[in-house]
Amino acid sequence: MTMHGKGGMTAHDPELNDLVQQARVARERAYAPYSKFKVGAALESSSGEVYTGCNVENASYGATICAERGAVMRAVAEGRKDFRRIVVVTDAEPPAQPCALCLQVLAEFCGADFEIISVNLQGGTEKTSLGALLPRPFNGIP
């Protein structure tokens, strides 16, 4: 269920436009001196609160944190564990999807119908679901 589009979000969904803007602002705060690949995320809870994150790289590459996971950690630290959708903003063409680690972290808190909206700076947009990108998440049960 991936939908592609150009021209960015429309005025028909002001809430989504706001999420995109918050993810863009978070992207500008990214610390990406090694890859130069900045990512911003805006995670919306079921009750409408928004938690942002940006990627933070480290010279020890394994210590790098993705924007999506940063947003989830921030939300959980503030007591929220139920989410509706996430917007991810990059400068990639096509718009970049969350990595497998981020998908697995999202699967800990979200169902298969959780909406993932990837946007690039050129106005490209892709909408999909967690279940489409990660159909069989690890659930820790043997």
C-alpha atoms as a PDB file:
ATOM      1  CA  MET A   1       0.000   0.000   0.000  1.00  0.00           C
ATOM      2  CA  THR A   2       2.559   2.565  -1.064  1.00  0.00           C
ATOM      3  CA  MET A   3       1.236   5.765  -2.605  1.00  0.00           C
ATOM      4  CA  HIS A   4       3.564   8.113  -4.447  1.00  0.00           C
ATOM      5  CA  GLY A   5       3.001  11.776  -5.056  1.00  0.00           C
ATOM      6  CA  LYS A   6       4.681  15.025  -5.980  1.00  0.00           C
ATOM      7  CA  GLY A   7       4.029  18.477  -4.730  1.00  0.00           C
ATOM      8  CA  GLY A   8       4.040  17.727  -1.016  1.00  0.00           C
ATOM      9  CA  MET A   9       1.065  17.811   1.311  1.00  0.00           C
ATOM     10  CA  THR A  10      -2.071  19.691   0.446  1.00  0.00           C
ATOM     11  CA  ALA A  11      -4.124  22.172   2.406  1.00  0.00           C
ATOM     12  CA  HIS A  12      -6.756  19.437   2.701  1.00  0.00           C
ATOM     13  CA  ASP A  13      -4.884  17.969   5.671  1.00  0.00           C
ATOM     14  CA  PRO A  14      -3.549  20.811   7.835  1.00  0.00           C
ATOM     15  CA  GLU A  15      -2.618  18.388  10.636  1.00  0.00           C
ATOM     16  CA  LEU A  16      -0.404  16.435   8.256  1.00  0.00           C
ATOM     17  CA  ASN A  17       1.090  19.664   6.911  1.00  0.00           C
ATOM     18  CA  ASP A  18       1.983  20.598  10.497  1.00  0.00           C
ATOM     19  CA  LEU A  19       3.643  17.204  11.061  1.00  0.00           C
ATOM     20  CA  VAL A  20       5.683  17.643   7.886  1.00  0.00           C
ATOM     21  CA  GLN A  21       6.790  21.089   9.028  1.00  0.00           C
ATOM     22  CA  GLN A  22       7.792  19.796  12.463  1.00  0.00           C
ATOM     23  CA  ALA A  23       9.796  16.976  10.846  1.00  0.00           C
ATOM     24  CA  ARG A  24      11.514  19.515   8.546  1.00  0.00           C
ATOM     25  CA  VAL A  25      12.520  21.639  11.544  1.00  0.00           C
ATOM     26  CA  ALA A  26      13.832  18.552  13.346  1.00  0.00           C
ATOM     27  CA  ARG A  27      15.816  17.602  10.222  1.00  0.00           C
ATOM     28  CA  GLU A  28      17.583  20.946  10.302  1.00  0.00           C
ATOM     29  CA  ARG A  29      18.760  20.131  13.846  1.00  0.00           C
ATOM     30  CA  ALA A  30      20.274  16.779  12.813  1.00  0.00           C
ATOM     31  CA  TYR A  31      23.906  16.088  13.636  1.00  0.00           C
ATOM     32  CA  ALA A  32      25.240  14.305  10.551  1.00  0.00           C
ATOM     33  CA  PRO A  33      28.908  15.267  10.069  1.00  0.00           C
ATOM     34  CA  TYR A  34      29.863  11.835   8.668  1.00  0.00           C
ATOM     35  CA  SER A  35      27.088  10.884   6.253  1.00  0.00           C
ATOM     36  CA  LYS A  36      25.779  14.413   5.577  1.00  0.00           C
ATOM     37  CA  PHE A  37      22.356  12.695   5.407  1.00  0.00           C
ATOM     38  CA  LYS A  38      20.001  14.652   7.661  1.00  0.00           C
ATOM     39  CA  VAL A  39      16.724  13.100   8.787  1.00  0.00           C
ATOM     40  CA  GLY A  40      13.857  14.565  10.775  1.00  0.00           C
ATOM     41  CA  ALA A  41      10.852  12.747  12.180  1.00  0.00           C
ATOM     42  CA  ALA A  42       7.547  13.805  13.716  1.00  0.00           C
ATOM     43  CA  LEU A  43       5.721  11.041  15.586  1.00  0.00           C
ATOM     44  CA  GLU A  44       2.046  11.626  16.358  1.00  0.00           C
ATOM     45  CA  SER A  45       0.419   9.930  19.328  1.00  0.00           C
ATOM     46  CA  SER A  46      -3.108   8.563  19.244  1.00  0.00           C
ATOM     47  CA  SER A  47      -4.289  11.631  21.165  1.00  0.00           C
ATOM     48  CA  GLY A  48      -2.494  14.120  18.895  1.00  0.00           C
ATOM     49  CA  GLU A  49       0.715  14.977  20.768  1.00  0.00           C
ATOM     50  CA  VAL A  50       3.762  15.231  18.522  1.00  0.00           C
ATOM     51  CA  TYR A  51       7.276  14.084  19.390  1.00  0.00           C
ATOM     52  CA  THR A  52      10.132  15.017  17.089  1.00  0.00           C
ATOM     53  CA  GLY A  53      13.535  13.478  16.559  1.00  0.00           C
ATOM     54  CA  CYS A  54      16.562  13.930  14.347  1.00  0.00           C
ATOM     55  CA  ASN A  55      19.447  11.657  13.514  1.00  0.00           C
ATOM     56  CA  VAL A  56      22.497  12.064  15.740  1.00  0.00           C
ATOM     57  CA  GLU A  57      25.649  10.485  14.328  1.00  0.00           C
ATOM     58  CA  ASN A  58      28.710   9.397  16.265  1.00  0.00           C
ATOM     59  CA  ALA A  59      32.311   8.664  15.289  1.00  0.00           C
ATOM     60  CA  SER A  60      31.594   5.146  16.563  1.00  0.00           C
ATOM     61  CA  TYR A  61      28.981   4.528  13.859  1.00  0.00           C
ATOM     62  CA  GLY A  62      27.037   1.942  15.859  1.00  0.00           C
ATOM     63  CA  ALA A  63      26.243   4.610  18.447  1.00  0.00           C
ATOM     64  CA  THR A  64      24.335   6.648  15.859  1.00  0.00           C
ATOM     65  CA  ILE A  65      20.623   7.158  16.574  1.00  0.00           C
ATOM     66  CA  CYS A  66      18.085   7.520  13.778  1.00  0.00           C
ATOM     67  CA  ALA A  67      15.480  10.288  13.834  1.00  0.00           C
ATOM     68  CA  GLU A  68      12.588   7.846  14.083  1.00  0.00           C
ATOM     69  CA  ARG A  69      14.036   6.019  17.092  1.00  0.00           C
ATOM     70  CA  GLY A  70      14.907   9.347  18.705  1.00  0.00           C
ATOM     71  CA  ALA A  71      11.281  10.436  18.410  1.00  0.00           C
ATOM     72  CA  VAL A  72      10.045   7.141  19.897  1.00  0.00           C
ATOM     73  CA  MET A  73      12.488   7.365  22.826  1.00  0.00           C
ATOM     74  CA  ARG A  74      11.431  10.945  23.509  1.00  0.00           C
ATOM     75  CA  ALA A  75       7.754   9.971  23.489  1.00  0.00           C
ATOM     76  CA  VAL A  76       8.277   6.982  25.775  1.00  0.00           C
ATOM     77  CA  ALA A  77      10.364   9.105  28.160  1.00  0.00           C
ATOM     78  CA  GLU A  78       7.384  11.458  28.380  1.00  0.00           C
ATOM     79  CA  GLY A  79       4.982   8.580  29.120  1.00  0.00           C
ATOM     80  CA  ARG A  80       3.437   7.993  25.657  1.00  0.00           C
ATOM     81  CA  LYS A  81       3.324   4.541  24.039  1.00  0.00           C
ATOM     82  CA  ASP A  82       0.427   4.707  21.565  1.00  0.00           C
ATOM     83  CA  PHE A  83       0.993   6.190  18.139  1.00  0.00           C
ATOM     84  CA  ARG A  84      -1.010   7.011  15.021  1.00  0.00           C
ATOM     85  CA  ARG A  85       1.554   7.948  12.363  1.00  0.00           C
ATOM     86  CA  ILE A  86       5.049   9.230  11.680  1.00  0.00           C
ATOM     87  CA  VAL A  87       6.398  11.664   9.099  1.00  0.00           C
ATOM     88  CA  VAL A  88      10.021  11.253   8.014  1.00  0.00           C
ATOM     89  CA  VAL A  89      11.743  14.035   6.057  1.00  0.00           C
ATOM     90  CA  THR A  90      14.981  13.563   4.099  1.00  0.00           C
ATOM     91  CA  ASP A  91      16.587  14.923   0.957  1.00  0.00           C
ATOM     92  CA  ALA A  92      16.471  11.509  -0.764  1.00  0.00           C
ATOM     93  CA  GLU A  93      14.839  10.742  -4.092  1.00  0.00           C
ATOM     94  CA  PRO A  94      12.609   8.830  -3.763  1.00  0.00           C
ATOM     95  CA  PRO A  95      11.729   9.787  -0.181  1.00  0.00           C
ATOM     96  CA  ALA A  96      13.560   7.486   2.246  1.00  0.00           C
ATOM     97  CA  GLN A  97      11.711   4.916   4.327  1.00  0.00           C
ATOM     98  CA  PRO A  98      12.697   4.129   7.936  1.00  0.00           C
ATOM     99  CA  CYS A  99      15.483   1.575   8.338  1.00  0.00           C
ATOM    100  CA  ALA A 100      14.819  -1.937   9.654  1.00  0.00           C
ATOM    101  CA  LEU A 101      15.931  -1.039  13.195  1.00  0.00           C
ATOM    102  CA  CYS A 102      13.456   1.833  13.299  1.00  0.00           C
ATOM    103  CA  LEU A 103      10.672  -0.339  11.897  1.00  0.00           C
ATOM    104  CA  GLN A 104      11.303  -2.941  14.604  1.00  0.00           C
ATOM    105  CA  VAL A 105      11.213  -0.262  17.333  1.00  0.00           C
ATOM    106  CA  LEU A 106       7.967   1.121  15.917  1.00  0.00           C
ATOM    107  CA  ALA A 107       6.539  -2.427  15.847  1.00  0.00           C
ATOM    108  CA  GLU A 108       7.046  -2.612  19.610  1.00  0.00           C
ATOM    109  CA  PHE A 109       4.383   0.068  20.037  1.00  0.00           C
ATOM    110  CA  CYS A 110       2.386   0.156  16.791  1.00  0.00           C
ATOM    111  CA  GLY A 111       0.200  -2.190  14.797  1.00  0.00           C
ATOM    112  CA  ALA A 112       0.500  -3.162  11.151  1.00  0.00           C
ATOM    113  CA  ASP A 113      -1.806  -0.301  10.090  1.00  0.00           C
ATOM    114  CA  PHE A 114       0.457   2.391  11.625  1.00  0.00           C
ATOM    115  CA  GLU A 115       0.955   5.019   8.903  1.00  0.00           C
ATOM    116  CA  ILE A 116       4.436   5.958   7.667  1.00  0.00           C
ATOM    117  CA  ILE A 117       4.701   9.078   5.510  1.00  0.00           C
ATOM    118  CA  SER A 118       8.051   9.753   3.854  1.00  0.00           C
ATOM    119  CA  VAL A 119       8.655  13.204   2.381  1.00  0.00           C
ATOM    120  CA  ASN A 120      11.620  14.734   0.595  1.00  0.00           C
ATOM    121  CA  LEU A 121      12.654  18.355   0.236  1.00  0.00           C
ATOM    122  CA  GLN A 122      11.595  18.364  -3.413  1.00  0.00           C
ATOM    123  CA  GLY A 123       7.962  17.700  -2.462  1.00  0.00           C
ATOM    124  CA  GLY A 124       7.861  13.964  -3.104  1.00  0.00           C
ATOM    125  CA  THR A 125       5.659  11.981  -0.742  1.00  0.00           C
ATOM    126  CA  GLU A 126       5.186   8.265  -0.112  1.00  0.00           C
ATOM    127  CA  LYS A 127       2.587   6.857   2.266  1.00  0.00           C
ATOM    128  CA  THR A 128       2.691   3.280   3.442  1.00  0.00           C
ATOM    129  CA  SER A 129       2.092   1.203   6.566  1.00  0.00           C
ATOM    130  CA  LEU A 130       4.300  -0.501   9.096  1.00  0.00           C
ATOM    131  CA  GLY A 131       2.832  -3.852   8.050  1.00  0.00           C
ATOM    132  CA  ALA A 132       3.766  -3.259   4.411  1.00  0.00           C
ATOM    133  CA  LEU A 133       7.386  -2.446   5.285  1.00  0.00           C
ATOM    134  CA  LEU A 134       7.800  -4.998   8.099  1.00  0.00           C
ATOM    135  CA  PRO A 135       5.240  -7.778   7.612  1.00  0.00           C
ATOM    136  CA  ARG A 136       6.733 -10.115  10.227  1.00  0.00           C
ATOM    137  CA  PRO A 137       8.298  -8.139  13.081  1.00  0.00           C
ATOM    138  CA  PHE A 138      10.239  -9.971  15.770  1.00  0.00           C
ATOM    139  CA  ASN A 139       8.045 -10.246  18.853  1.00  0.00           C
ATOM    140  CA  GLY A 140      10.480 -11.862  21.269  1.00  0.00           C
ATOM    141  CA  ILE A 141       8.270 -14.873  21.915  1.00  0.00           C
ATOM    142  CA  PRO A 142       9.927 -18.242  21.125  1.00  0.00           C
END
